[in-house]
């Protein structure tokens, strides 16, 4: 059984037992999170396609880590003008362990 979920403006395919990093969600480490934006649900041969969401379906996950990703450097420069800007950015993320998928 697997599901396609939407969180943080992105879509993920998840199964029970999977670990994945998503955009930051509120909650402490060890807390349980219910993701209710299920777009597709596949259980063996039966497929439920949401229009836009599958009614009554949800994915339960546990927060295993709150952190920040590696720094990326944003560098802007205009040639011959003496203009250059260097900035760094570290995106926040939440690591989840998928517990159950229910319809």
PDB file of N, CA and C in Angstrom:
ATOM      1  N   UNK A   1       0.848  -1.184   0.000  1.00  0.00           N
ATOM      2  CA  UNK A   1       0.000   0.000   0.000  1.00  0.00           C
ATOM      3  C   UNK A   1       0.885   1.236   0.000  1.00  0.00           C
ATOM      4  N   UNK A   2       0.578   2.179  -0.890  1.00  0.00           N
ATOM      5  CA  UNK A   2       1.313   3.442  -0.887  1.00  0.00           C
ATOM      6  C   UNK A   2       0.359   4.579  -1.203  1.00  0.00           C
ATOM      7  N   UNK A   3       0.841   5.795  -0.946  1.00  0.00           N
ATOM      8  CA  UNK A   3       0.029   6.987  -1.160  1.00  0.00           C
ATOM      9  C   UNK A   3       0.897   8.095  -1.730  1.00  0.00           C
ATOM     10  N   UNK A   4       0.252   9.001  -2.447  1.00  0.00           N
ATOM     11  CA  UNK A   4       0.894  10.231  -2.897  1.00  0.00           C
ATOM     12  C   UNK A   4       0.324  11.345  -2.023  1.00  0.00           C
ATOM     13  N   UNK A   5       1.210  12.034  -1.291  1.00  0.00           N
ATOM     14  CA  UNK A   5       0.766  13.100  -0.401  1.00  0.00           C
ATOM     15  C   UNK A   5       1.341  14.425  -0.865  1.00  0.00           C
ATOM     16  N   UNK A   6       0.718  15.522  -0.404  1.00  0.00           N
ATOM     17  CA  UNK A   6       1.201  16.863  -0.718  1.00  0.00           C
ATOM     18  C   UNK A   6       1.459  17.590   0.589  1.00  0.00           C
ATOM     19  N   UNK A   7       2.676  18.118   0.749  1.00  0.00           N
ATOM     20  CA  UNK A   7       3.015  18.937   1.899  1.00  0.00           C
ATOM     21  C   UNK A   7       4.141  19.885   1.507  1.00  0.00           C
ATOM     22  N   UNK A   8       4.053  21.108   1.971  1.00  0.00           N
ATOM     23  CA  UNK A   8       5.085  22.089   1.663  1.00  0.00           C
ATOM     24  C   UNK A   8       5.172  22.434   0.197  1.00  0.00           C
ATOM     25  N   UNK A   9       4.068  22.283  -0.553  1.00  0.00           N
ATOM     26  CA  UNK A   9       4.070  22.616  -1.970  1.00  0.00           C
ATOM     27  C   UNK A   9       4.711  21.564  -2.853  1.00  0.00           C
ATOM     28  N   UNK A  10       5.043  20.394  -2.287  1.00  0.00           N
ATOM     29  CA  UNK A  10       5.663  19.318  -3.054  1.00  0.00           C
ATOM     30  C   UNK A  10       4.852  18.043  -2.865  1.00  0.00           C
ATOM     31  N   UNK A  11       5.041  17.079  -3.757  1.00  0.00           N
ATOM     32  CA  UNK A  11       4.341  15.809  -3.665  1.00  0.00           C
ATOM     33  C   UNK A  11       5.351  14.695  -3.412  1.00  0.00           C
ATOM     34  N   UNK A  12       4.958  13.726  -2.575  1.00  0.00           N
ATOM     35  CA  UNK A  12       5.830  12.626  -2.200  1.00  0.00           C
ATOM     36  C   UNK A  12       5.058  11.312  -2.288  1.00  0.00           C
ATOM     37  N   UNK A  13       5.735  10.253  -2.746  1.00  0.00           N
ATOM     38  CA  UNK A  13       5.162   8.909  -2.702  1.00  0.00           C
ATOM     39  C   UNK A  13       5.682   8.241  -1.442  1.00  0.00           C
ATOM     40  N   UNK A  14       4.775   7.776  -0.574  1.00  0.00           N
ATOM     41  CA  UNK A  14       5.173   7.211   0.712  1.00  0.00           C
ATOM     42  C   UNK A  14       4.527   5.846   0.941  1.00  0.00           C
ATOM     43  N   UNK A  15       5.238   5.012   1.698  1.00  0.00           N
ATOM     44  CA  UNK A  15       4.739   3.735   2.173  1.00  0.00           C
ATOM     45  C   UNK A  15       4.990   3.684   3.670  1.00  0.00           C
ATOM     46  N   UNK A  16       4.337   2.762   4.361  1.00  0.00           N
ATOM     47  CA  UNK A  16       4.568   2.601   5.793  1.00  0.00           C
ATOM     48  C   UNK A  16       6.026   2.195   6.011  1.00  0.00           C
ATOM     49  N   UNK A  17       6.699   2.853   6.953  1.00  0.00           N
ATOM     50  CA  UNK A  17       8.097   2.567   7.240  1.00  0.00           C
ATOM     51  C   UNK A  17       9.089   3.473   6.533  1.00  0.00           C
ATOM     52  N   UNK A  18       8.627   4.278   5.590  1.00  0.00           N
ATOM     53  CA  UNK A  18       9.522   5.197   4.874  1.00  0.00           C
ATOM     54  C   UNK A  18       9.972   6.335   5.773  1.00  0.00           C
ATOM     55  N   UNK A  19      11.144   6.883   5.449  1.00  0.00           N
ATOM     56  CA  UNK A  19      11.638   8.099   6.090  1.00  0.00           C
ATOM     57  C   UNK A  19      11.838   9.125   4.991  1.00  0.00           C
ATOM     58  N   UNK A  20      11.387  10.364   5.244  1.00  0.00           N
ATOM     59  CA  UNK A  20      11.578  11.397   4.249  1.00  0.00           C
ATOM     60  C   UNK A  20      11.706  12.756   4.911  1.00  0.00           C
ATOM     61  N   UNK A  21      12.351  13.672   4.174  1.00  0.00           N
ATOM     62  CA  UNK A  21      12.514  15.057   4.628  1.00  0.00           C
ATOM     63  C   UNK A  21      11.533  15.927   3.867  1.00  0.00           C
ATOM     64  N   UNK A  22      10.794  16.740   4.619  1.00  0.00           N
ATOM     65  CA  UNK A  22       9.825  17.650   4.015  1.00  0.00           C
ATOM     66  C   UNK A  22      10.115  19.055   4.515  1.00  0.00           C
ATOM     67  N   UNK A  23       9.451  20.041   3.920  1.00  0.00           N
ATOM     68  CA  UNK A  23       9.568  21.409   4.408  1.00  0.00           C
ATOM     69  C   UNK A  23       9.133  21.444   5.869  1.00  0.00           C
ATOM     70  N   UNK A  24       9.635  22.398   6.623  1.00  0.00           N
ATOM     71  CA  UNK A  24       9.425  22.431   8.069  1.00  0.00           C
ATOM     72  C   UNK A  24       7.949  22.358   8.460  1.00  0.00           C
ATOM     73  N   UNK A  25       7.658  21.445   9.395  1.00  0.00           N
ATOM     74  CA  UNK A  25       6.339  21.319  10.009  1.00  0.00           C
ATOM     75  C   UNK A  25       6.473  21.647  11.486  1.00  0.00           C
ATOM     76  N   UNK A  26       5.434  22.228  12.065  1.00  0.00           N
ATOM     77  CA  UNK A  26       5.462  22.549  13.481  1.00  0.00           C
ATOM     78  C   UNK A  26       5.323  21.271  14.295  1.00  0.00           C
ATOM     79  N   UNK A  27       6.070  21.186  15.391  1.00  0.00           N
ATOM     80  CA  UNK A  27       5.978  20.030  16.271  1.00  0.00           C
ATOM     81  C   UNK A  27       7.339  19.677  16.849  1.00  0.00           C
ATOM     82  N   UNK A  28       7.301  18.974  17.975  1.00  0.00           N
ATOM     83  CA  UNK A  28       8.520  18.542  18.642  1.00  0.00           C
ATOM     84  C   UNK A  28       8.941  17.168  18.116  1.00  0.00           C
ATOM     85  N   UNK A  29      10.211  16.815  18.346  1.00  0.00           N
ATOM     86  CA  UNK A  29      10.698  15.492  17.978  1.00  0.00           C
ATOM     87  C   UNK A  29       9.942  14.453  18.804  1.00  0.00           C
ATOM     88  N   UNK A  30       9.441  13.422  18.146  1.00  0.00           N
ATOM     89  CA  UNK A  30       8.654  12.391  18.802  1.00  0.00           C
ATOM     90  C   UNK A  30       7.159  12.604  18.699  1.00  0.00           C
ATOM     91  N   UNK A  31       6.737  13.776  18.243  1.00  0.00           N
ATOM     92  CA  UNK A  31       5.305  14.070  18.110  1.00  0.00           C
ATOM     93  C   UNK A  31       4.751  13.376  16.868  1.00  0.00           C
ATOM     94  N   UNK A  32       3.443  13.127  16.886  1.00  0.00           N
ATOM     95  CA  UNK A  32       2.767  12.500  15.762  1.00  0.00           C
ATOM     96  C   UNK A  32       2.094  13.567  14.908  1.00  0.00           C
ATOM     97  N   UNK A  33       2.226  13.416  13.591  1.00  0.00           N
ATOM     98  CA  UNK A  33       1.662  14.370  12.639  1.00  0.00           C
ATOM     99  C   UNK A  33       0.737  13.604  11.704  1.00  0.00           C
ATOM    100  N   UNK A  34      -0.444  14.184  11.413  1.00  0.00           N
ATOM    101  CA  UNK A  34      -1.355  13.587  10.446  1.00  0.00           C
ATOM    102  C   UNK A  34      -1.336  14.430   9.177  1.00  0.00           C
ATOM    103  N   UNK A  35      -0.992  13.800   8.067  1.00  0.00           N
ATOM    104  CA  UNK A  35      -0.962  14.464   6.772  1.00  0.00           C
ATOM    105  C   UNK A  35      -2.240  14.075   6.041  1.00  0.00           C
ATOM    106  N   UNK A  36      -3.135  15.034   5.844  1.00  0.00           N
ATOM    107  CA  UNK A  36      -4.458  14.738   5.305  1.00  0.00           C
ATOM    108  C   UNK A  36      -4.614  15.092   3.834  1.00  0.00           C
ATOM    109  N   UNK A  37      -3.594  15.673   3.225  1.00  0.00           N
ATOM    110  CA  UNK A  37      -3.663  15.998   1.801  1.00  0.00           C
ATOM    111  C   UNK A  37      -3.159  14.800   0.995  1.00  0.00           C
ATOM    112  N   UNK A  38      -4.003  13.771   0.881  1.00  0.00           N
ATOM    113  CA  UNK A  38      -3.676  12.557   0.136  1.00  0.00           C
ATOM    114  C   UNK A  38      -4.274  12.695  -1.259  1.00  0.00           C
ATOM    115  N   UNK A  39      -3.419  12.642  -2.280  1.00  0.00           N
ATOM    116  CA  UNK A  39      -3.848  12.833  -3.656  1.00  0.00           C
ATOM    117  C   UNK A  39      -4.189  11.512  -4.343  1.00  0.00           C
ATOM    118  N   UNK A  40      -3.531  10.419  -3.931  1.00  0.00           N
ATOM    119  CA  UNK A  40      -3.738   9.121  -4.550  1.00  0.00           C
ATOM    120  C   UNK A  40      -3.477   8.056  -3.503  1.00  0.00           C
ATOM    121  N   UNK A  41      -4.265   6.985  -3.538  1.00  0.00           N
ATOM    122  CA  UNK A  41      -4.121   5.894  -2.573  1.00  0.00           C
ATOM    123  C   UNK A  41      -4.199   4.579  -3.336  1.00  0.00           C
ATOM    124  N   UNK A  42      -3.156   3.757  -3.233  1.00  0.00           N
ATOM    125  CA  UNK A  42      -3.101   2.474  -3.934  1.00  0.00           C
ATOM    126  C   UNK A  42      -2.976   1.370  -2.893  1.00  0.00           C
ATOM    127  N   UNK A  43      -3.944   0.419  -2.927  1.00  0.00           N
ATOM    128  CA  UNK A  43      -3.941  -0.721  -2.006  1.00  0.00           C
ATOM    129  C   UNK A  43      -4.117  -1.981  -2.843  1.00  0.00           C
ATOM    130  N   UNK A  44      -2.999  -2.587  -3.216  1.00  0.00           N
ATOM    131  CA  UNK A  44      -3.064  -3.769  -4.077  1.00  0.00           C
ATOM    132  C   UNK A  44      -3.573  -3.396  -5.451  1.00  0.00           C
ATOM    133  N   UNK A  45      -4.738  -3.924  -5.824  1.00  0.00           N
ATOM    134  CA  UNK A  45      -5.329  -3.642  -7.127  1.00  0.00           C
ATOM    135  C   UNK A  45      -6.246  -2.426  -7.117  1.00  0.00           C
ATOM    136  N   UNK A  46      -6.715  -1.995  -5.937  1.00  0.00           N
ATOM    137  CA  UNK A  46      -7.638  -0.863  -5.889  1.00  0.00           C
ATOM    138  C   UNK A  46      -6.860   0.454  -5.859  1.00  0.00           C
ATOM    139  N   UNK A  47      -7.283   1.374  -6.694  1.00  0.00           N
ATOM    140  CA  UNK A  47      -6.647   2.689  -6.793  1.00  0.00           C
ATOM    141  C   UNK A  47      -7.713   3.747  -6.568  1.00  0.00           C
ATOM    142  N   UNK A  48      -7.462   4.642  -5.620  1.00  0.00           N
ATOM    143  CA  UNK A  48      -8.368   5.760  -5.381  1.00  0.00           C
ATOM    144  C   UNK A  48      -7.660   7.041  -5.790  1.00  0.00           C
ATOM    145  N   UNK A  49      -8.235   7.744  -6.734  1.00  0.00           N
ATOM    146  CA  UNK A  49      -7.659   8.994  -7.215  1.00  0.00           C
ATOM    147  C   UNK A  49      -8.502  10.131  -6.660  1.00  0.00           C
ATOM    148  N   UNK A  50      -7.867  11.079  -6.005  1.00  0.00           N
ATOM    149  CA  UNK A  50      -8.576  12.200  -5.420  1.00  0.00           C
ATOM    150  C   UNK A  50      -8.915  13.255  -6.450  1.00  0.00           C
ATOM    151  N   UNK A  51     -10.020  13.962  -6.209  1.00  0.00           N
ATOM    152  CA  UNK A  51     -10.426  15.067  -7.073  1.00  0.00           C
ATOM    153  C   UNK A  51     -10.739  16.270  -6.226  1.00  0.00           C
ATOM    154  N   UNK A  52      -9.832  17.027  -5.688  1.00  0.00           N
ATOM    155  CA  UNK A  52      -8.376  16.863  -5.766  1.00  0.00           C
ATOM    156  C   UNK A  52      -7.813  15.960  -4.670  1.00  0.00           C
ATOM    157  N   UNK A  53      -8.552  15.703  -3.557  1.00  0.00           N
ATOM    158  CA  UNK A  53      -8.047  14.883  -2.461  1.00  0.00           C
ATOM    159  C   UNK A  53      -8.924  13.650  -2.286  1.00  0.00           C
ATOM    160  N   UNK A  54      -8.324  12.587  -1.747  1.00  0.00           N
ATOM    161  CA  UNK A  54      -9.068  11.371  -1.436  1.00  0.00           C
ATOM    162  C   UNK A  54      -9.813  11.603  -0.124  1.00  0.00           C
ATOM    163  N   UNK A  55     -11.136  11.409  -0.148  1.00  0.00           N
ATOM    164  CA  UNK A  55     -11.973  11.655   1.031  1.00  0.00           C
ATOM    165  C   UNK A  55     -11.642  10.677   2.156  1.00  0.00           C
ATOM    166  N   UNK A  56     -11.407  11.191   3.354  1.00  0.00           N
ATOM    167  CA  UNK A  56     -11.203  10.362   4.538  1.00  0.00           C
ATOM    168  C   UNK A  56      -9.854   9.689   4.642  1.00  0.00           C
ATOM    169  N   UNK A  57      -8.963   9.898   3.692  1.00  0.00           N
ATOM    170  CA  UNK A  57      -7.645   9.260   3.739  1.00  0.00           C
ATOM    171  C   UNK A  57      -6.667  10.152   4.496  1.00  0.00           C
ATOM    172  N   UNK A  58      -5.766   9.520   5.255  1.00  0.00           N
ATOM    173  CA  UNK A  58      -4.730  10.283   5.941  1.00  0.00           C
ATOM    174  C   UNK A  58      -3.511   9.409   6.164  1.00  0.00           C
ATOM    175  N   UNK A  59      -2.386  10.060   6.309  1.00  0.00           N
ATOM    176  CA  UNK A  59      -1.113   9.399   6.564  1.00  0.00           C
ATOM    177  C   UNK A  59      -0.626   9.876   7.926  1.00  0.00           C
ATOM    178  N   UNK A  60      -0.280   8.931   8.793  1.00  0.00           N
ATOM    179  CA  UNK A  60       0.219   9.259  10.127  1.00  0.00           C
ATOM    180  C   UNK A  60       1.732   9.087  10.133  1.00  0.00           C
ATOM    181  N   UNK A  61       2.426  10.087  10.647  1.00  0.00           N
ATOM    182  CA  UNK A  61       3.891  10.059  10.675  1.00  0.00           C
ATOM    183  C   UNK A  61       4.389  10.568  12.015  1.00  0.00           C
ATOM    184  N   UNK A  62       5.625  10.197  12.356  1.00  0.00           N
ATOM    185  CA  UNK A  62       6.276  10.650  13.577  1.00  0.00           C
ATOM    186  C   UNK A  62       7.456  11.530  13.199  1.00  0.00           C
ATOM    187  N   UNK A  63       7.610  12.654  13.891  1.00  0.00           N
ATOM    188  CA  UNK A  63       8.741  13.552  13.650  1.00  0.00           C
ATOM    189  C   UNK A  63       9.975  12.938  14.300  1.00  0.00           C
ATOM    190  N   UNK A  64      11.020  12.689  13.495  1.00  0.00           N
ATOM    191  CA  UNK A  64      12.241  12.114  14.051  1.00  0.00           C
ATOM    192  C   UNK A  64      13.388  13.120  14.099  1.00  0.00           C
ATOM    193  N   UNK A  65      13.237  14.253  13.395  1.00  0.00           N
ATOM    194  CA  UNK A  65      14.311  15.258  13.423  1.00  0.00           C
ATOM    195  C   UNK A  65      13.790  16.591  12.916  1.00  0.00           C
ATOM    196  N   UNK A  66      14.243  17.666  13.521  1.00  0.00           N
ATOM    197  CA  UNK A  66      14.029  19.030  13.031  1.00  0.00           C
ATOM    198  C   UNK A  66      15.420  19.604  12.784  1.00  0.00           C
ATOM    199  N   UNK A  67      15.680  20.113  11.601  1.00  0.00           N
ATOM    200  CA  UNK A  67      17.031  20.599  11.334  1.00  0.00           C
ATOM    201  C   UNK A  67      17.078  21.586  10.184  1.00  0.00           C
ATOM    202  N   UNK A  68      18.323  21.846   9.759  1.00  0.00           N
ATOM    203  CA  UNK A  68      18.571  22.742   8.636  1.00  0.00           C
ATOM    204  C   UNK A  68      19.482  22.036   7.640  1.00  0.00           C
ATOM    205  N   UNK A  69      19.244  22.269   6.360  1.00  0.00           N
ATOM    206  CA  UNK A  69      20.023  21.629   5.317  1.00  0.00           C
ATOM    207  C   UNK A  69      21.368  22.314   5.147  1.00  0.00           C
ATOM    208  N   UNK A  70      22.191  21.770   4.234  1.00  0.00           N
ATOM    209  CA  UNK A  70      23.481  22.378   3.950  1.00  0.00           C
ATOM    210  C   UNK A  70      23.288  23.776   3.385  1.00  0.00           C
ATOM    211  N   UNK A  71      24.267  24.646   3.626  1.00  0.00           N
ATOM    212  CA  UNK A  71      24.189  26.020   3.148  1.00  0.00           C
ATOM    213  C   UNK A  71      24.399  26.068   1.637  1.00  0.00           C
ATOM    214  N   UNK A  72      23.556  26.868   0.979  1.00  0.00           N
ATOM    215  CA  UNK A  72      23.778  27.160  -0.432  1.00  0.00           C
ATOM    216  C   UNK A  72      24.199  28.625  -0.529  1.00  0.00           C
ATOM    217  N   UNK A  73      25.051  28.923  -1.475  1.00  0.00           N
ATOM    218  CA  UNK A  73      25.563  30.276  -1.663  1.00  0.00           C
ATOM    219  C   UNK A  73      24.836  30.915  -2.843  1.00  0.00           C
ATOM    220  N   UNK A  74      24.304  32.116  -2.620  1.00  0.00           N
ATOM    221  CA  UNK A  74      23.667  32.889  -3.674  1.00  0.00           C
ATOM    222  C   UNK A  74      24.611  34.054  -3.980  1.00  0.00           C
ATOM    223  N   UNK A  75      25.152  34.082  -5.191  1.00  0.00           N
ATOM    224  CA  UNK A  75      26.131  35.100  -5.567  1.00  0.00           C
ATOM    225  C   UNK A  75      25.645  35.845  -6.794  1.00  0.00           C
ATOM    226  N   UNK A  76      25.562  37.172  -6.672  1.00  0.00           N
ATOM    227  CA  UNK A  76      25.142  38.020  -7.792  1.00  0.00           C
ATOM    228  C   UNK A  76      26.297  38.948  -8.147  1.00  0.00           C
ATOM    229  N   UNK A  77      26.467  39.194  -9.451  1.00  0.00           N
ATOM    230  CA  UNK A  77      27.554  40.065  -9.899  1.00  0.00           C
ATOM    231  C   UNK A  77      27.164  40.702 -11.215  1.00  0.00           C
ATOM    232  N   UNK A  78      27.511  41.971 -11.353  1.00  0.00           N
ATOM    233  CA  UNK A  78      27.347  42.654 -12.624  1.00  0.00           C
ATOM    234  C   UNK A  78      28.744  43.060 -13.098  1.00  0.00           C
ATOM    235  N   UNK A  79      29.104  42.595 -14.260  1.00  0.00           N
ATOM    236  CA  UNK A  79      30.469  42.831 -14.715  1.00  0.00           C
ATOM    237  C   UNK A  79      30.721  44.310 -15.005  1.00  0.00           C
ATOM    238  N   UNK A  80      31.916  44.734 -14.691  1.00  0.00           N
ATOM    239  CA  UNK A  80      32.425  46.082 -14.925  1.00  0.00           C
ATOM    240  C   UNK A  80      31.703  47.150 -14.123  1.00  0.00           C
ATOM    241  N   UNK A  81      30.870  46.827 -13.177  1.00  0.00           N
ATOM    242  CA  UNK A  81      30.127  47.829 -12.413  1.00  0.00           C
ATOM    243  C   UNK A  81      30.527  47.846 -10.936  1.00  0.00           C
ATOM    244  N   UNK A  82      31.351  46.906 -10.512  1.00  0.00           N
ATOM    245  CA  UNK A  82      31.765  46.863  -9.120  1.00  0.00           C
ATOM    246  C   UNK A  82      30.671  46.358  -8.190  1.00  0.00           C
ATOM    247  N   UNK A  83      29.654  45.711  -8.735  1.00  0.00           N
ATOM    248  CA  UNK A  83      28.530  45.224  -7.936  1.00  0.00           C
ATOM    249  C   UNK A  83      28.649  43.717  -7.743  1.00  0.00           C
ATOM    250  N   UNK A  84      28.686  43.318  -6.495  1.00  0.00           N
ATOM    251  CA  UNK A  84      28.600  41.894  -6.201  1.00  0.00           C
ATOM    252  C   UNK A  84      28.032  41.703  -4.796  1.00  0.00           C
ATOM    253  N   UNK A  85      27.167  40.688  -4.668  1.00  0.00           N
ATOM    254  CA  UNK A  85      26.497  40.379  -3.413  1.00  0.00           C
ATOM    255  C   UNK A  85      26.626  38.884  -3.180  1.00  0.00           C
ATOM    256  N   UNK A  86      27.016  38.506  -1.969  1.00  0.00           N
ATOM    257  CA  UNK A  86      27.139  37.100  -1.620  1.00  0.00           C
ATOM    258  C   UNK A  86      26.271  36.837  -0.399  1.00  0.00           C
ATOM    259  N   UNK A  87      25.332  35.899  -0.525  1.00  0.00           N
ATOM    260  CA  UNK A  87      24.444  35.549   0.574  1.00  0.00           C
ATOM    261  C   UNK A  87      24.426  34.037   0.725  1.00  0.00           C
ATOM    262  N   UNK A  88      24.174  33.595   1.947  1.00  0.00           N
ATOM    263  CA  UNK A  88      24.017  32.168   2.205  1.00  0.00           C
ATOM    264  C   UNK A  88      22.611  31.889   2.694  1.00  0.00           C
ATOM    265  N   UNK A  89      22.134  30.649   2.467  1.00  0.00           N
ATOM    266  CA  UNK A  89      20.796  30.274   2.904  1.00  0.00           C
ATOM    267  C   UNK A  89      20.798  28.817   3.354  1.00  0.00           C
ATOM    268  N   UNK A  90      20.172  28.553   4.504  1.00  0.00           N
ATOM    269  CA  UNK A  90      19.989  27.185   4.993  1.00  0.00           C
ATOM    270  C   UNK A  90      18.501  26.965   5.225  1.00  0.00           C
ATOM    271  N   UNK A  91      17.928  26.033   4.477  1.00  0.00           N
ATOM    272  CA  UNK A  91      16.494  25.755   4.552  1.00  0.00           C
ATOM    273  C   UNK A  91      16.184  24.849   5.745  1.00  0.00           C
ATOM    274  N   UNK A  92      15.109  25.162   6.470  1.00  0.00           N
ATOM    275  CA  UNK A  92      14.648  24.309   7.555  1.00  0.00           C
ATOM    276  C   UNK A  92      13.926  23.092   6.985  1.00  0.00           C
ATOM    277  N   UNK A  93      14.059  21.939   7.657  1.00  0.00           N
ATOM    278  CA  UNK A  93      13.354  20.740   7.229  1.00  0.00           C
ATOM    279  C   UNK A  93      12.872  19.953   8.440  1.00  0.00           C
ATOM    280  N   UNK A  94      11.958  19.041   8.190  1.00  0.00           N
ATOM    281  CA  UNK A  94      11.461  18.109   9.199  1.00  0.00           C
ATOM    282  C   UNK A  94      11.604  16.712   8.626  1.00  0.00           C
ATOM    283  N   UNK A  95      12.269  15.808   9.359  1.00  0.00           N
ATOM    284  CA  UNK A  95      12.396  14.423   8.932  1.00  0.00           C
ATOM    285  C   UNK A  95      11.265  13.624   9.557  1.00  0.00           C
ATOM    286  N   UNK A  96      10.548  12.861   8.719  1.00  0.00           N
ATOM    287  CA  UNK A  96       9.389  12.101   9.170  1.00  0.00           C
ATOM    288  C   UNK A  96       9.610  10.612   8.969  1.00  0.00           C
ATOM    289  N   UNK A  97       9.029   9.813   9.874  1.00  0.00           N
ATOM    290  CA  UNK A  97       8.949   8.372   9.721  1.00  0.00           C
ATOM    291  C   UNK A  97       7.474   8.037   9.521  1.00  0.00           C
ATOM    292  N   UNK A  98       7.133   7.486   8.368  1.00  0.00           N
ATOM    293  CA  UNK A  98       5.740   7.185   8.043  1.00  0.00           C
ATOM    294  C   UNK A  98       5.307   5.950   8.823  1.00  0.00           C
ATOM    295  N   UNK A  99       4.254   6.089   9.630  1.00  0.00           N
ATOM    296  CA  UNK A  99       3.764   4.995  10.457  1.00  0.00           C
ATOM    297  C   UNK A  99       2.660   4.205   9.748  1.00  0.00           C
ATOM    298  N   UNK A 100       1.551   4.870   9.453  1.00  0.00           N
ATOM    299  CA  UNK A 100       0.412   4.168   8.849  1.00  0.00           C
ATOM    300  C   UNK A 100      -0.219   5.011   7.743  1.00  0.00           C
ATOM    301  N   UNK A 101      -0.888   4.300   6.837  1.00  0.00           N
ATOM    302  CA  UNK A 101      -1.692   4.925   5.794  1.00  0.00           C
ATOM    303  C   UNK A 101      -3.096   4.370   5.951  1.00  0.00           C
ATOM    304  N   UNK A 102      -4.071   5.257   6.163  1.00  0.00           N
ATOM    305  CA  UNK A 102      -5.445   4.782   6.362  1.00  0.00           C
ATOM    306  C   UNK A 102      -6.371   5.452   5.351  1.00  0.00           C
ATOM    307  N   UNK A 103      -7.401   4.687   4.949  1.00  0.00           N
ATOM    308  CA  UNK A 103      -8.332   5.198   3.935  1.00  0.00           C
ATOM    309  C   UNK A 103      -9.568   5.764   4.559  1.00  0.00           C
TER     310      UNK A 103
END
